[in-house]
Structure formats: structure tokens, C-alpha cells
PDB file of N, CA and C in Angstrom:
ATOM      1  N   MET A   1       3.479  -0.935   3.160  1.00  0.00           N
ATOM      2  CA  MET A   1       4.821  -0.633   2.712  1.00  0.00           C
ATOM      3  C   MET A   1       5.039  -1.279   1.348  1.00  0.00           C
ATOM      4  N   LYS A   2       5.858  -0.630   0.534  1.00  0.00           N
ATOM      5  CA  LYS A   2       6.149  -1.131  -0.810  1.00  0.00           C
ATOM      6  C   LYS A   2       7.656  -1.183  -1.045  1.00  0.00           C
ATOM      7  N   THR A   3       8.052  -1.997  -2.011  1.00  0.00           N
ATOM      8  CA  THR A   3       9.457  -2.145  -2.392  1.00  0.00           C
ATOM      9  C   THR A   3       9.789  -1.178  -3.523  1.00  0.00           C
ATOM     10  N   LEU A   4      11.017  -1.266  -3.970  1.00  0.00           N
ATOM     11  CA  LEU A   4      11.366  -0.645  -5.243  1.00  0.00           C
ATOM     12  C   LEU A   4      10.390  -1.186  -6.275  1.00  0.00           C
ATOM     13  N   HIS A   5      10.143  -0.498  -7.301  1.00  0.00           N
ATOM     14  CA  HIS A   5       9.178  -0.883  -8.338  1.00  0.00           C
ATOM     15  C   HIS A   5       7.751  -0.900  -7.798  1.00  0.00           C
ATOM     16  N   ASP A   6       7.550  -0.331  -6.613  1.00  0.00           N
ATOM     17  CA  ASP A   6       6.206  -0.127  -6.055  1.00  0.00           C
ATOM     18  C   ASP A   6       5.428  -1.429  -5.836  1.00  0.00           C
ATOM     19  N   ILE A   7       6.109  -2.489  -5.434  1.00  0.00           N
ATOM     20  CA  ILE A   7       5.470  -3.778  -5.182  1.00  0.00           C
ATOM     21  C   ILE A   7       5.032  -3.828  -3.722  1.00  0.00           C
ATOM     22  N   GLU A   8       3.753  -4.106  -3.517  1.00  0.00           N
ATOM     23  CA  GLU A   8       3.190  -4.183  -2.161  1.00  0.00           C
ATOM     24  C   GLU A   8       3.825  -5.343  -1.397  1.00  0.00           C
ATOM     25  N   ILE A   9       4.210  -5.102  -0.146  1.00  0.00           N
ATOM     26  CA  ILE A   9       4.851  -6.121   0.686  1.00  0.00           C
ATOM     27  C   ILE A   9       3.797  -6.822   1.542  1.00  0.00           C
ATOM     28  N   ASN A  10       3.798  -8.144   1.488  1.00  0.00           N
ATOM     29  CA  ASN A  10       2.935  -8.959   2.335  1.00  0.00           C
ATOM     30  C   ASN A  10       3.717  -9.281   3.610  1.00  0.00           C
ATOM     31  N   PRO A  11       3.348  -8.704   4.758  1.00  0.00           N
ATOM     32  CA  PRO A  11       4.077  -8.958   6.001  1.00  0.00           C
ATOM     33  C   PRO A  11       4.111 -10.438   6.383  1.00  0.00           C
ATOM     34  N   GLY A  12       3.123 -11.203   5.947  1.00  0.00           N
ATOM     35  CA  GLY A  12       3.095 -12.628   6.245  1.00  0.00           C
ATOM     36  C   GLY A  12       4.241 -13.403   5.614  1.00  0.00           C
ATOM     37  N   LEU A  13       4.852 -12.850   4.586  1.00  0.00           N
ATOM     38  CA  LEU A  13       5.990 -13.513   3.946  1.00  0.00           C
ATOM     39  C   LEU A  13       7.315 -13.145   4.608  1.00  0.00           C
ATOM     40  N   LEU A  14       7.268 -12.262   5.593  1.00  0.00           N
ATOM     41  CA  LEU A  14       8.488 -11.805   6.267  1.00  0.00           C
ATOM     42  C   LEU A  14       8.620 -12.384   7.669  1.00  0.00           C
ATOM     43  N   TRP A  15       7.790 -13.326   8.032  1.00  0.00           N
ATOM     44  CA  TRP A  15       7.684 -13.806   9.405  1.00  0.00           C
ATOM     45  C   TRP A  15       9.015 -14.246  10.005  1.00  0.00           C
ATOM     46  N   ASP A  16       9.927 -14.744   9.196  1.00  0.00           N
ATOM     47  CA  ASP A  16      11.189 -15.276   9.721  1.00  0.00           C
ATOM     48  C   ASP A  16      12.368 -14.323   9.535  1.00  0.00           C
ATOM     49  N   HIS A  17      12.089 -13.074   9.166  1.00  0.00           N
ATOM     50  CA  HIS A  17      13.136 -12.066   8.971  1.00  0.00           C
ATOM     51  C   HIS A  17      12.710 -10.756   9.630  1.00  0.00           C
ATOM     52  N   ASP A  18      13.692  -9.949   9.949  1.00  0.00           N
ATOM     53  CA  ASP A  18      13.423  -8.643  10.561  1.00  0.00           C
ATOM     54  C   ASP A  18      14.093  -7.568   9.710  1.00  0.00           C
ATOM     55  N   PHE A  19      13.347  -7.015   8.765  1.00  0.00           N
ATOM     56  CA  PHE A  19      13.865  -5.980   7.871  1.00  0.00           C
ATOM     57  C   PHE A  19      13.414  -4.609   8.351  1.00  0.00           C
ATOM     58  N   SER A  20      14.311  -3.646   8.278  1.00  0.00           N
ATOM     59  CA  SER A  20      13.938  -2.265   8.594  1.00  0.00           C
ATOM     60  C   SER A  20      13.249  -1.656   7.371  1.00  0.00           C
ATOM     61  N   PRO A  21      12.482  -0.588   7.567  1.00  0.00           N
ATOM     62  CA  PRO A  21      11.874   0.090   6.414  1.00  0.00           C
ATOM     63  C   PRO A  21      12.916   0.532   5.384  1.00  0.00           C
ATOM     64  N   ALA A  22      14.079   0.961   5.842  1.00  0.00           N
ATOM     65  CA  ALA A  22      15.139   1.375   4.911  1.00  0.00           C
ATOM     66  C   ALA A  22      15.632   0.189   4.084  1.00  0.00           C
ATOM     67  N   GLU A  23      15.780  -0.972   4.717  1.00  0.00           N
ATOM     68  CA  GLU A  23      16.227  -2.165   3.991  1.00  0.00           C
ATOM     69  C   GLU A  23      15.209  -2.579   2.931  1.00  0.00           C
ATOM     70  N   MET A  24      13.935  -2.376   3.230  1.00  0.00           N
ATOM     71  CA  MET A  24      12.886  -2.765   2.291  1.00  0.00           C
ATOM     72  C   MET A  24      12.870  -1.899   1.037  1.00  0.00           C
ATOM     73  N   GLN A  25      13.619  -0.834   1.027  1.00  0.00           N
ATOM     74  CA  GLN A  25      13.700   0.039  -0.143  1.00  0.00           C
ATOM     75  C   GLN A  25      14.934  -0.246  -0.990  1.00  0.00           C
ATOM     76  N   GLN A  26      15.719  -1.236  -0.598  1.00  0.00           N
ATOM     77  CA  GLN A  26      16.955  -1.551  -1.311  1.00  0.00           C
ATOM     78  C   GLN A  26      16.741  -2.670  -2.331  1.00  0.00           C
ATOM     79  N   GLU A  27      17.575  -2.660  -3.354  1.00  0.00           N
ATOM     80  CA  GLU A  27      17.479  -3.687  -4.392  1.00  0.00           C
ATOM     81  C   GLU A  27      17.725  -5.079  -3.818  1.00  0.00           C
ATOM     82  N   ARG A  28      18.624  -5.183  -2.867  1.00  0.00           N
ATOM     83  CA  ARG A  28      18.922  -6.482  -2.250  1.00  0.00           C
ATOM     84  C   ARG A  28      17.653  -7.100  -1.641  1.00  0.00           C
ATOM     85  N   PHE A  29      16.859  -6.285  -0.952  1.00  0.00           N
ATOM     86  CA  PHE A  29      15.598  -6.773  -0.391  1.00  0.00           C
ATOM     87  C   PHE A  29      14.636  -7.159  -1.511  1.00  0.00           C
ATOM     88  N   LEU A  30      14.551  -6.327  -2.535  1.00  0.00           N
ATOM     89  CA  LEU A  30      13.646  -6.610  -3.651  1.00  0.00           C
ATOM     90  C   LEU A  30      13.946  -7.979  -4.252  1.00  0.00           C
ATOM     91  N   ILE A  31      15.207  -8.273  -4.461  1.00  0.00           N
ATOM     92  CA  ILE A  31      15.600  -9.564  -5.034  1.00  0.00           C
ATOM     93  C   ILE A  31      15.181 -10.702  -4.107  1.00  0.00           C
ATOM     94  N   TRP A  32      15.437 -10.555  -2.818  1.00  0.00           N
ATOM     95  CA  TRP A  32      15.030 -11.573  -1.854  1.00  0.00           C
ATOM     96  C   TRP A  32      13.506 -11.722  -1.850  1.00  0.00           C
ATOM     97  N   TYR A  33      12.804 -10.593  -1.800  1.00  0.00           N
ATOM     98  CA  TYR A  33      11.345 -10.617  -1.692  1.00  0.00           C
ATOM     99  C   TYR A  33      10.691 -11.194  -2.950  1.00  0.00           C
ATOM    100  N   LEU A  34      11.196 -10.866  -4.114  1.00  0.00           N
ATOM    101  CA  LEU A  34      10.630 -11.435  -5.349  1.00  0.00           C
ATOM    102  C   LEU A  34      10.739 -12.954  -5.336  1.00  0.00           C
ATOM    103  N   GLY A  35      11.888 -13.468  -4.907  1.00  0.00           N
ATOM    104  CA  GLY A  35      12.049 -14.913  -4.804  1.00  0.00           C
ATOM    105  C   GLY A  35      11.054 -15.521  -3.838  1.00  0.00           C
ATOM    106  N   ARG A  36      10.898 -14.882  -2.691  1.00  0.00           N
ATOM    107  CA  ARG A  36       9.949 -15.364  -1.679  1.00  0.00           C
ATOM    108  C   ARG A  36       8.524 -15.314  -2.226  1.00  0.00           C
ATOM    109  N   LEU A  37       8.202 -14.229  -2.900  1.00  0.00           N
ATOM    110  CA  LEU A  37       6.850 -14.053  -3.432  1.00  0.00           C
ATOM    111  C   LEU A  37       6.539 -15.069  -4.532  1.00  0.00           C
ATOM    112  N   LEU A  38       7.478 -15.311  -5.424  1.00  0.00           N
ATOM    113  CA  LEU A  38       7.235 -16.281  -6.496  1.00  0.00           C
ATOM    114  C   LEU A  38       7.146 -17.703  -5.961  1.00  0.00           C
ATOM    115  N   GLU A  39       7.830 -17.988  -4.859  1.00  0.00           N
ATOM    116  CA  GLU A  39       7.782 -19.323  -4.251  1.00  0.00           C
ATOM    117  C   GLU A  39       6.566 -19.510  -3.344  1.00  0.00           C
ATOM    118  N   ARG A  40       6.206 -18.464  -2.585  1.00  0.00           N
ATOM    119  CA  ARG A  40       5.222 -18.646  -1.511  1.00  0.00           C
ATOM    120  C   ARG A  40       4.029 -17.697  -1.553  1.00  0.00           C
ATOM    121  N   GLY A  41       4.025 -16.768  -2.483  1.00  0.00           N
ATOM    122  CA  GLY A  41       2.936 -15.791  -2.542  1.00  0.00           C
ATOM    123  C   GLY A  41       1.651 -16.393  -3.089  1.00  0.00           C
ATOM    124  N   THR A  42       0.572 -15.668  -2.912  1.00  0.00           N
ATOM    125  CA  THR A  42      -0.716 -16.105  -3.456  1.00  0.00           C
ATOM    126  C   THR A  42      -0.757 -15.817  -4.958  1.00  0.00           C
ATOM    127  N   ALA A  43      -1.687 -16.460  -5.633  1.00  0.00           N
ATOM    128  CA  ALA A  43      -1.845 -16.209  -7.071  1.00  0.00           C
ATOM    129  C   ALA A  43      -2.145 -14.736  -7.328  1.00  0.00           C
ATOM    130  N   ALA A  44      -2.961 -14.131  -6.480  1.00  0.00           N
ATOM    131  CA  ALA A  44      -3.306 -12.712  -6.653  1.00  0.00           C
ATOM    132  C   ALA A  44      -2.075 -11.820  -6.504  1.00  0.00           C
ATOM    133  N   GLU A  45      -1.202 -12.142  -5.546  1.00  0.00           N
ATOM    134  CA  GLU A  45       0.019 -11.349  -5.352  1.00  0.00           C
ATOM    135  C   GLU A  45       0.954 -11.481  -6.548  1.00  0.00           C
ATOM    136  N   VAL A  46       1.132 -12.701  -7.004  1.00  0.00           N
ATOM    137  CA  VAL A  46       2.024 -12.940  -8.141  1.00  0.00           C
ATOM    138  C   VAL A  46       1.472 -12.272  -9.396  1.00  0.00           C
ATOM    139  N   LYS A  47       0.174 -12.312  -9.573  1.00  0.00           N
ATOM    140  CA  LYS A  47      -0.456 -11.702 -10.750  1.00  0.00           C
ATOM    141  C   LYS A  47      -0.199 -10.201 -10.821  1.00  0.00           C
ATOM    142  N   ARG A  48      -0.047  -9.556  -9.673  1.00  0.00           N
ATOM    143  CA  ARG A  48       0.192  -8.109  -9.641  1.00  0.00           C
ATOM    144  C   ARG A  48       1.637  -7.725  -9.951  1.00  0.00           C
ATOM    145  N   LEU A  49       2.540  -8.698  -9.988  1.00  0.00           N
ATOM    146  CA  LEU A  49       3.941  -8.382 -10.279  1.00  0.00           C
ATOM    147  C   LEU A  49       4.097  -7.993 -11.742  1.00  0.00           C
ATOM    148  N   PRO A  50       4.785  -6.909 -12.005  1.00  0.00           N
ATOM    149  CA  PRO A  50       5.026  -6.540 -13.404  1.00  0.00           C
ATOM    150  C   PRO A  50       5.934  -7.577 -14.085  1.00  0.00           C
ATOM    151  N   ARG A  51       5.510  -8.024 -15.233  1.00  0.00           N
ATOM    152  CA  ARG A  51       6.271  -9.015 -15.998  1.00  0.00           C
ATOM    153  C   ARG A  51       7.715  -8.568 -16.211  1.00  0.00           C
ATOM    154  N   GLU A  52       7.901  -7.279 -16.517  1.00  0.00           N
ATOM    155  CA  GLU A  52       9.255  -6.786 -16.792  1.00  0.00           C
ATOM    156  C   GLU A  52      10.150  -6.841 -15.557  1.00  0.00           C
ATOM    157  N   VAL A  53       9.579  -6.723 -14.368  1.00  0.00           N
ATOM    158  CA  VAL A  53      10.376  -6.827 -13.138  1.00  0.00           C
ATOM    159  C   VAL A  53      10.815  -8.276 -12.936  1.00  0.00           C
ATOM    160  N   ILE A  54       9.909  -9.218 -13.157  1.00  0.00           N
ATOM    161  CA  ILE A  54      10.275 -10.635 -13.047  1.00  0.00           C
ATOM    162  C   ILE A  54      11.390 -10.950 -14.042  1.00  0.00           C
ATOM    163  N   ALA A  55      11.232 -10.518 -15.271  1.00  0.00           N
ATOM    164  CA  ALA A  55      12.238 -10.784 -16.305  1.00  0.00           C
ATOM    165  C   ALA A  55      13.583 -10.157 -15.943  1.00  0.00           C
ATOM    166  N   GLN A  56      13.552  -8.955 -15.420  1.00  0.00           N
ATOM    167  CA  GLN A  56      14.792  -8.245 -15.080  1.00  0.00           C
ATOM    168  C   GLN A  56      15.583  -8.967 -13.990  1.00  0.00           C
ATOM    169  N   TYR A  57      14.903  -9.539 -13.020  1.00  0.00           N
ATOM    170  CA  TYR A  57      15.580 -10.107 -11.853  1.00  0.00           C
ATOM    171  C   TYR A  57      15.609 -11.632 -11.812  1.00  0.00           C
ATOM    172  N   LEU A  58      14.969 -12.310 -12.731  1.00  0.00           N
ATOM    173  CA  LEU A  58      14.816 -13.763 -12.645  1.00  0.00           C
ATOM    174  C   LEU A  58      16.135 -14.494 -12.404  1.00  0.00           C
ATOM    175  N   ASP A  59      17.181 -14.133 -13.107  1.00  0.00           N
ATOM    176  CA  ASP A  59      18.461 -14.835 -12.964  1.00  0.00           C
ATOM    177  C   ASP A  59      19.100 -14.634 -11.595  1.00  0.00           C
ATOM    178  N   ARG A  60      18.649 -13.644 -10.859  1.00  0.00           N
ATOM    179  CA  ARG A  60      19.245 -13.338  -9.554  1.00  0.00           C
ATOM    180  C   ARG A  60      18.400 -13.834  -8.381  1.00  0.00           C
ATOM    181  N   LEU A  61      17.254 -14.446  -8.661  1.00  0.00           N
ATOM    182  CA  LEU A  61      16.345 -14.879  -7.602  1.00  0.00           C
ATOM    183  C   LEU A  61      16.684 -16.280  -7.120  1.00  0.00           C
ATOM    184  N   SER A  62      16.481 -16.507  -5.832  1.00  0.00           N
ATOM    185  CA  SER A  62      16.635 -17.831  -5.248  1.00  0.00           C
ATOM    186  C   SER A  62      15.293 -18.554  -5.397  1.00  0.00           C
ATOM    187  N   LEU A  63      15.247 -19.480  -6.365  1.00  0.00           N
ATOM    188  CA  LEU A  63      14.008 -20.197  -6.672  1.00  0.00           C
ATOM    189  C   LEU A  63      14.287 -21.685  -6.789  1.00  0.00           C
ATOM    190  N   SER A  64      13.284 -22.491  -6.502  1.00  0.00           N
ATOM    191  CA  SER A  64      13.407 -23.924  -6.753  1.00  0.00           C
ATOM    192  C   SER A  64      13.488 -24.131  -8.268  1.00  0.00           C
ATOM    193  N   GLY A  65      14.034 -25.256  -8.678  1.00  0.00           N
ATOM    194  CA  GLY A  65      14.156 -25.541 -10.104  1.00  0.00           C
ATOM    195  C   GLY A  65      12.821 -25.519 -10.823  1.00  0.00           C
ATOM    196  N   ARG A  66      11.802 -26.077 -10.180  1.00  0.00           N
ATOM    197  CA  ARG A  66      10.462 -26.134 -10.775  1.00  0.00           C
ATOM    198  C   ARG A  66       9.902 -24.739 -11.007  1.00  0.00           C
ATOM    199  N   VAL A  67      10.032 -23.863 -10.032  1.00  0.00           N
ATOM    200  CA  VAL A  67       9.505 -22.498 -10.158  1.00  0.00           C
ATOM    201  C   VAL A  67      10.314 -21.713 -11.187  1.00  0.00           C
ATOM    202  N   ARG A  68      11.626 -21.860 -11.168  1.00  0.00           N
ATOM    203  CA  ARG A  68      12.473 -21.156 -12.145  1.00  0.00           C
ATOM    204  C   ARG A  68      12.126 -21.585 -13.569  1.00  0.00           C
ATOM    205  N   ARG A  69      11.987 -22.891 -13.785  1.00  0.00           N
ATOM    206  CA  ARG A  69      11.651 -23.387 -15.127  1.00  0.00           C
ATOM    207  C   ARG A  69      10.306 -22.845 -15.588  1.00  0.00           C
ATOM    208  N   PHE A  70       9.324 -22.772 -14.687  1.00  0.00           N
ATOM    209  CA  PHE A  70       8.028 -22.216 -15.062  1.00  0.00           C
ATOM    210  C   PHE A  70       8.186 -20.781 -15.542  1.00  0.00           C
ATOM    211  N   TRP A  71       8.889 -19.944 -14.782  1.00  0.00           N
ATOM    212  CA  TRP A  71       9.012 -18.534 -15.148  1.00  0.00           C
ATOM    213  C   TRP A  71       9.848 -18.346 -16.406  1.00  0.00           C
ATOM    214  N   GLN A  72      10.845 -19.179 -16.615  1.00  0.00           N
ATOM    215  CA  GLN A  72      11.603 -19.103 -17.870  1.00  0.00           C
ATOM    216  C   GLN A  72      10.686 -19.421 -19.042  1.00  0.00           C
ATOM    217  N   TRP A  73       9.890 -20.482 -18.904  1.00  0.00           N
ATOM    218  CA  TRP A  73       8.927 -20.836 -19.952  1.00  0.00           C
ATOM    219  C   TRP A  73       7.921 -19.708 -20.155  1.00  0.00           C
ATOM    220  N   TYR A  74       7.341 -19.227 -19.079  1.00  0.00           N
ATOM    221  CA  TYR A  74       6.306 -18.198 -19.156  1.00  0.00           C
ATOM    222  C   TYR A  74       6.818 -16.946 -19.858  1.00  0.00           C
ATOM    223  N   LEU A  75       7.989 -16.507 -19.505  1.00  0.00           N
ATOM    224  CA  LEU A  75       8.528 -15.278 -20.096  1.00  0.00           C
ATOM    225  C   LEU A  75       8.870 -15.446 -21.577  1.00  0.00           C
ATOM    226  N   GLN A  76       9.146 -16.676 -21.996  1.00  0.00           N
ATOM    227  CA  GLN A  76       9.450 -16.920 -23.408  1.00  0.00           C
ATOM    228  C   GLN A  76       8.194 -17.163 -24.243  1.00  0.00           C
ATOM    229  N   GLU A  77       7.212 -17.826 -23.655  1.00  0.00           N
ATOM    230  CA  GLU A  77       6.073 -18.310 -24.435  1.00  0.00           C
ATOM    231  C   GLU A  77       4.794 -17.482 -24.318  1.00  0.00           C
ATOM    232  N   VAL A  78       4.606 -16.820 -23.220  1.00  0.00           N
ATOM    233  CA  VAL A  78       3.321 -16.128 -22.994  1.00  0.00           C
ATOM    234  C   VAL A  78       3.461 -14.656 -23.298  1.00  0.00           C
TER     235      VAL A  78
END
């Protein structure tokens, strides 16, 4: 299954939630999932995320300060 923006969903990151397939196609889920993926995903999963999607949603993601600061730096400098 994939999200909006065609991002592959790792079922292992959903262990504590019960989302329907319809919910997984909504922007609200995408925002939640991007935050979860940037905090807990593997390097390979994060590497597959389109930079423009991270930039578009970064301000709306629930991230630790350390992770948010990294992505702010990365998007400005790299």
C-alpha cells in the first residue's frame, strides 16, 4: 500500500494504530506517517522520500527537536 505522493507504507511503523485503506490515502495520514517515518524509519526508507515532499510538509510534522533541526539544516544546505 502507498500514501499520497506514492510513498510506500511500512506496516511495521503502524503497529500501534489501526488505519483503514481509505485513511491511508488522506493528507492527514500522510502528515502523520511522514513524521513517523522520519523519526523511526530505516535509512533506506528515508532515502526514498522525495525531498520536495519533506520540504512541503516539514512544518506540519510531529518531530523531535533534534530531527526537525536536522531536516531544516539538510533542506537549506544540501
